[in-house]
Amino acid sequence: MTTTNNHKKEKLNQVTQIKEKKDKNCRNKKKKEQTFQIEPWLDADKQINKIRHTNKLRREN
């Protein structure tokens, strides 16, 4: 009986690890989306420069 309980615990741990990994990936995607938000009060040229600047900073890091 203890072997089945241990097996269930292992399975549960695997499932929680997979969920945590998915959550982390989801958070990373959201961070990427947030950096490229369009700001309506800036004109197009300023927005393009801002995106280029963030890309440049990413390459340096």
PDB file of N, CA and C in Angstrom:
ATOM      1  N   MET A   1       0.829  -1.199   0.000  1.00  0.00           N
ATOM      2  CA  MET A   1       0.000   0.000   0.000  1.00  0.00           C
ATOM      3  C   MET A   1       0.866   1.253   0.000  1.00  0.00           C
ATOM      4  N   THR A   2       1.973   1.232   0.676  1.00  0.00           N
ATOM      5  CA  THR A   2       2.819   2.408   0.706  1.00  0.00           C
ATOM      6  C   THR A   2       3.444   2.675  -0.661  1.00  0.00           C
ATOM      7  N   THR A   3       3.674   1.623  -1.442  1.00  0.00           N
ATOM      8  CA  THR A   3       4.268   1.845  -2.764  1.00  0.00           C
ATOM      9  C   THR A   3       3.310   2.611  -3.661  1.00  0.00           C
ATOM     10  N   THR A   4       2.011   2.319  -3.579  1.00  0.00           N
ATOM     11  CA  THR A   4       1.046   3.048  -4.397  1.00  0.00           C
ATOM     12  C   THR A   4       0.965   4.499  -3.952  1.00  0.00           C
ATOM     13  N   ASN A   5       1.037   4.737  -2.654  1.00  0.00           N
ATOM     14  CA  ASN A   5       1.016   6.112  -2.161  1.00  0.00           C
ATOM     15  C   ASN A   5       2.248   6.870  -2.640  1.00  0.00           C
ATOM     16  N   ASN A   6       3.400   6.214  -2.569  1.00  0.00           N
ATOM     17  CA  ASN A   6       4.619   6.860  -3.050  1.00  0.00           C
ATOM     18  C   ASN A   6       4.519   7.153  -4.540  1.00  0.00           C
ATOM     19  N   HIS A   7       3.957   6.209  -5.272  1.00  0.00           N
ATOM     20  CA  HIS A   7       3.797   6.401  -6.712  1.00  0.00           C
ATOM     21  C   HIS A   7       2.886   7.597  -6.992  1.00  0.00           C
ATOM     22  N   LYS A   8       1.805   7.703  -6.241  1.00  0.00           N
ATOM     23  CA  LYS A   8       0.877   8.828  -6.407  1.00  0.00           C
ATOM     24  C   LYS A   8       1.571  10.152  -6.093  1.00  0.00           C
ATOM     25  N   LYS A   9       2.383  10.155  -5.028  1.00  0.00           N
ATOM     26  CA  LYS A   9       3.103  11.386  -4.662  1.00  0.00           C
ATOM     27  C   LYS A   9       4.076  11.787  -5.762  1.00  0.00           C
ATOM     28  N   GLU A  10       4.787  10.813  -6.312  1.00  0.00           N
ATOM     29  CA  GLU A  10       5.734  11.106  -7.393  1.00  0.00           C
ATOM     30  C   GLU A  10       5.002  11.687  -8.602  1.00  0.00           C
ATOM     31  N   LYS A  11       3.878  11.077  -8.939  1.00  0.00           N
ATOM     32  CA  LYS A  11       3.092  11.536 -10.077  1.00  0.00           C
ATOM     33  C   LYS A  11       2.618  12.976  -9.846  1.00  0.00           C
ATOM     34  N   LEU A  12       2.159  13.237  -8.643  1.00  0.00           N
ATOM     35  CA  LEU A  12       1.685  14.571  -8.289  1.00  0.00           C
ATOM     36  C   LEU A  12       2.816  15.588  -8.385  1.00  0.00           C
ATOM     37  N   ASN A  13       4.001  15.206  -7.906  1.00  0.00           N
ATOM     38  CA  ASN A  13       5.153  16.100  -8.011  1.00  0.00           C
ATOM     39  C   ASN A  13       5.490  16.405  -9.462  1.00  0.00           C
ATOM     40  N   GLN A  14       5.432  15.386 -10.309  1.00  0.00           N
ATOM     41  CA  GLN A  14       5.722  15.600 -11.730  1.00  0.00           C
ATOM     42  C   GLN A  14       4.728  16.572 -12.338  1.00  0.00           C
ATOM     43  N   VAL A  15       3.459  16.392 -12.010  1.00  0.00           N
ATOM     44  CA  VAL A  15       2.414  17.275 -12.554  1.00  0.00           C
ATOM     45  C   VAL A  15       2.627  18.714 -12.093  1.00  0.00           C
ATOM     46  N   THR A  16       2.950  18.893 -10.810  1.00  0.00           N
ATOM     47  CA  THR A  16       3.144  20.254 -10.303  1.00  0.00           C
ATOM     48  C   THR A  16       4.370  20.900 -10.936  1.00  0.00           C
ATOM     49  N   GLN A  17       5.431  20.111 -11.176  1.00  0.00           N
ATOM     50  CA  GLN A  17       6.616  20.667 -11.829  1.00  0.00           C
ATOM     51  C   GLN A  17       6.296  21.125 -13.240  1.00  0.00           C
ATOM     52  N   ILE A  18       5.506  20.335 -13.961  1.00  0.00           N
ATOM     53  CA  ILE A  18       5.125  20.706 -15.326  1.00  0.00           C
ATOM     54  C   ILE A  18       4.291  21.990 -15.300  1.00  0.00           C
ATOM     55  N   LYS A  19       3.358  22.081 -14.353  1.00  0.00           N
ATOM     56  CA  LYS A  19       2.520  23.279 -14.245  1.00  0.00           C
ATOM     57  C   LYS A  19       3.370  24.508 -13.935  1.00  0.00           C
ATOM     58  N   GLU A  20       4.333  24.360 -13.014  1.00  0.00           N
ATOM     59  CA  GLU A  20       5.195  25.493 -12.665  1.00  0.00           C
ATOM     60  C   GLU A  20       6.008  25.942 -13.884  1.00  0.00           C
ATOM     61  N   LYS A  21       6.479  24.989 -14.653  1.00  0.00           N
ATOM     62  CA  LYS A  21       7.254  25.314 -15.849  1.00  0.00           C
ATOM     63  C   LYS A  21       6.389  26.087 -16.849  1.00  0.00           C
ATOM     64  N   LYS A  22       5.146  25.625 -17.036  1.00  0.00           N
ATOM     65  CA  LYS A  22       4.231  26.311 -17.950  1.00  0.00           C
ATOM     66  C   LYS A  22       3.939  27.726 -17.467  1.00  0.00           C
ATOM     67  N   ASP A  23       3.723  27.881 -16.149  1.00  0.00           N
ATOM     68  CA  ASP A  23       3.456  29.203 -15.578  1.00  0.00           C
ATOM     69  C   ASP A  23       4.634  30.137 -15.824  1.00  0.00           C
ATOM     70  N   LYS A  24       5.845  29.618 -15.647  1.00  0.00           N
ATOM     71  CA  LYS A  24       7.040  30.426 -15.837  1.00  0.00           C
ATOM     72  C   LYS A  24       7.145  30.876 -17.298  1.00  0.00           C
ATOM     73  N   ASN A  25       6.881  29.949 -18.230  1.00  0.00           N
ATOM     74  CA  ASN A  25       6.914  30.297 -19.651  1.00  0.00           C
ATOM     75  C   ASN A  25       5.867  31.351 -19.972  1.00  0.00           C
ATOM     76  N   CYS A  26       4.704  31.216 -19.364  1.00  0.00           N
ATOM     77  CA  CYS A  26       3.624  32.174 -19.591  1.00  0.00           C
ATOM     78  C   CYS A  26       4.027  33.554 -19.078  1.00  0.00           C
ATOM     79  N   ARG A  27       4.657  33.600 -17.905  1.00  0.00           N
ATOM     80  CA  ARG A  27       5.096  34.889 -17.360  1.00  0.00           C
ATOM     81  C   ARG A  27       6.150  35.516 -18.260  1.00  0.00           C
ATOM     82  N   ASN A  28       7.061  34.705 -18.792  1.00  0.00           N
ATOM     83  CA  ASN A  28       8.095  35.234 -19.673  1.00  0.00           C
ATOM     84  C   ASN A  28       7.474  35.813 -20.939  1.00  0.00           C
ATOM     85  N   LYS A  29       6.469  35.136 -21.485  1.00  0.00           N
ATOM     86  CA  LYS A  29       5.795  35.648 -22.681  1.00  0.00           C
ATOM     87  C   LYS A  29       5.124  36.983 -22.382  1.00  0.00           C
ATOM     88  N   LYS A  30       4.485  37.069 -21.222  1.00  0.00           N
ATOM     89  CA  LYS A  30       3.807  38.311 -20.854  1.00  0.00           C
ATOM     90  C   LYS A  30       4.804  39.454 -20.718  1.00  0.00           C
ATOM     91  N   LYS A  31       5.983  39.175 -20.160  1.00  0.00           N
ATOM     92  CA  LYS A  31       7.005  40.212 -20.029  1.00  0.00           C
ATOM     93  C   LYS A  31       7.421  40.720 -21.401  1.00  0.00           C
ATOM     94  N   LYS A  32       7.613  39.800 -22.349  1.00  0.00           N
ATOM     95  CA  LYS A  32       8.007  40.197 -23.697  1.00  0.00           C
ATOM     96  C   LYS A  32       6.927  41.057 -24.347  1.00  0.00           C
ATOM     97  N   GLU A  33       5.667  40.673 -24.145  1.00  0.00           N
ATOM     98  CA  GLU A  33       4.570  41.438 -24.729  1.00  0.00           C
ATOM     99  C   GLU A  33       4.494  42.837 -24.115  1.00  0.00           C
ATOM    100  N   GLN A  34       4.772  42.948 -22.832  1.00  0.00           N
ATOM    101  CA  GLN A  34       4.651  44.235 -22.162  1.00  0.00           C
ATOM    102  C   GLN A  34       5.685  45.234 -22.657  1.00  0.00           C
ATOM    103  N   THR A  35       6.861  44.766 -23.077  1.00  0.00           N
ATOM    104  CA  THR A  35       7.899  45.706 -23.490  1.00  0.00           C
ATOM    105  C   THR A  35       7.541  46.371 -24.816  1.00  0.00           C
ATOM    106  N   PHE A  36       6.682  45.733 -25.611  1.00  0.00           N
ATOM    107  CA  PHE A  36       6.346  46.289 -26.918  1.00  0.00           C
ATOM    108  C   PHE A  36       4.933  46.850 -26.974  1.00  0.00           C
ATOM    109  N   GLN A  37       4.444  47.329 -25.860  1.00  0.00           N
ATOM    110  CA  GLN A  37       3.114  47.934 -25.866  1.00  0.00           C
ATOM    111  C   GLN A  37       3.146  49.222 -26.682  1.00  0.00           C
ATOM    112  N   ILE A  38       2.117  49.397 -27.478  1.00  0.00           N
ATOM    113  CA  ILE A  38       2.017  50.626 -28.270  1.00  0.00           C
ATOM    114  C   ILE A  38       1.438  51.721 -27.384  1.00  0.00           C
ATOM    115  N   GLU A  39       2.106  52.852 -27.401  1.00  0.00           N
ATOM    116  CA  GLU A  39       1.644  53.978 -26.587  1.00  0.00           C
ATOM    117  C   GLU A  39       1.058  55.026 -27.520  1.00  0.00           C
ATOM    118  N   PRO A  40      -0.241  55.230 -27.464  1.00  0.00           N
ATOM    119  CA  PRO A  40      -0.915  56.082 -28.449  1.00  0.00           C
ATOM    120  C   PRO A  40      -0.477  57.548 -28.412  1.00  0.00           C
ATOM    121  N   TRP A  41       0.077  57.989 -27.283  1.00  0.00           N
ATOM    122  CA  TRP A  41       0.448  59.401 -27.215  1.00  0.00           C
ATOM    123  C   TRP A  41       1.796  59.672 -27.880  1.00  0.00           C
ATOM    124  N   LEU A  42       2.538  58.616 -28.255  1.00  0.00           N
ATOM    125  CA  LEU A  42       3.788  58.819 -28.978  1.00  0.00           C
ATOM    126  C   LEU A  42       3.528  58.655 -30.470  1.00  0.00           C
ATOM    127  N   ASP A  43       4.235  59.455 -31.280  1.00  0.00           N
ATOM    128  CA  ASP A  43       4.063  59.266 -32.716  1.00  0.00           C
ATOM    129  C   ASP A  43       4.891  58.065 -33.172  1.00  0.00           C
ATOM    130  N   ALA A  44       4.695  57.649 -34.418  1.00  0.00           N
ATOM    131  CA  ALA A  44       5.268  56.394 -34.923  1.00  0.00           C
ATOM    132  C   ALA A  44       6.794  56.377 -34.848  1.00  0.00           C
ATOM    133  N   ASP A  45       7.443  57.480 -35.214  1.00  0.00           N
ATOM    134  CA  ASP A  45       8.904  57.502 -35.215  1.00  0.00           C
ATOM    135  C   ASP A  45       9.471  57.269 -33.812  1.00  0.00           C
ATOM    136  N   LYS A  46       8.849  57.901 -32.821  1.00  0.00           N
ATOM    137  CA  LYS A  46       9.328  57.728 -31.449  1.00  0.00           C
ATOM    138  C   LYS A  46       9.134  56.286 -30.988  1.00  0.00           C
ATOM    139  N   GLN A  47       8.016  55.668 -31.390  1.00  0.00           N
ATOM    140  CA  GLN A  47       7.773  54.277 -30.994  1.00  0.00           C
ATOM    141  C   GLN A  47       8.796  53.348 -31.632  1.00  0.00           C
ATOM    142  N   ILE A  48       9.109  53.582 -32.906  1.00  0.00           N
ATOM    143  CA  ILE A  48      10.107  52.749 -33.587  1.00  0.00           C
ATOM    144  C   ILE A  48      11.457  52.895 -32.906  1.00  0.00           C
ATOM    145  N   ASN A  49      11.830  54.104 -32.569  1.00  0.00           N
ATOM    146  CA  ASN A  49      13.103  54.328 -31.878  1.00  0.00           C
ATOM    147  C   ASN A  49      13.120  53.640 -30.519  1.00  0.00           C
ATOM    148  N   LYS A  50      11.984  53.675 -29.827  1.00  0.00           N
ATOM    149  CA  LYS A  50      11.902  53.034 -28.522  1.00  0.00           C
ATOM    150  C   LYS A  50      12.102  51.523 -28.654  1.00  0.00           C
ATOM    151  N   ILE A  51      11.467  50.913 -29.644  1.00  0.00           N
ATOM    152  CA  ILE A  51      11.609  49.473 -29.860  1.00  0.00           C
ATOM    153  C   ILE A  51      13.047  49.134 -30.225  1.00  0.00           C
ATOM    154  N   ARG A  52      13.657  49.940 -31.089  1.00  0.00           N
ATOM    155  CA  ARG A  52      15.055  49.707 -31.458  1.00  0.00           C
ATOM    156  C   ARG A  52      15.959  49.809 -30.237  1.00  0.00           C
ATOM    157  N   HIS A  53      15.663  50.778 -29.386  1.00  0.00           N
ATOM    158  CA  HIS A  53      16.475  50.972 -28.181  1.00  0.00           C
ATOM    159  C   HIS A  53      16.365  49.757 -27.254  1.00  0.00           C
ATOM    160  N   THR A  54      15.129  49.243 -27.057  1.00  0.00           N
ATOM    161  CA  THR A  54      14.965  48.076 -26.186  1.00  0.00           C
ATOM    162  C   THR A  54      15.661  46.860 -26.785  1.00  0.00           C
ATOM    163  N   ASN A  55      15.614  46.716 -28.118  1.00  0.00           N
ATOM    164  CA  ASN A  55      16.313  45.600 -28.761  1.00  0.00           C
ATOM    165  C   ASN A  55      17.814  45.723 -28.558  1.00  0.00           C
ATOM    166  N   LYS A  56      18.327  46.946 -28.656  1.00  0.00           N
ATOM    167  CA  LYS A  56      19.754  47.176 -28.464  1.00  0.00           C
ATOM    168  C   LYS A  56      20.160  46.815 -27.040  1.00  0.00           C
ATOM    169  N   LEU A  57      19.349  47.207 -26.066  1.00  0.00           N
ATOM    170  CA  LEU A  57      19.643  46.884 -24.669  1.00  0.00           C
ATOM    171  C   LEU A  57      19.634  45.382 -24.439  1.00  0.00           C
ATOM    172  N   ARG A  58      18.698  44.679 -25.077  1.00  0.00           N
ATOM    173  CA  ARG A  58      18.638  43.222 -24.921  1.00  0.00           C
ATOM    174  C   ARG A  58      19.896  42.567 -25.472  1.00  0.00           C
ATOM    175  N   ARG A  59      20.373  43.062 -26.619  1.00  0.00           N
ATOM    176  CA  ARG A  59      21.572  42.466 -27.224  1.00  0.00           C
ATOM    177  C   ARG A  59      22.793  42.677 -26.333  1.00  0.00           C
ATOM    178  N   GLU A  60      22.851  43.827 -25.661  1.00  0.00           N
ATOM    179  CA  GLU A  60      23.999  44.111 -24.800  1.00  0.00           C
ATOM    180  C   GLU A  60      23.991  43.232 -23.554  1.00  0.00           C
ATOM    181  N   ASN A  61      22.806  42.897 -23.066  1.00  0.00           N
ATOM    182  CA  ASN A  61      22.720  42.084 -21.836  1.00  0.00           C
ATOM    183  C   ASN A  61      22.952  40.632 -22.083  1.00  0.00           C
TER     184      ASN A  61
END
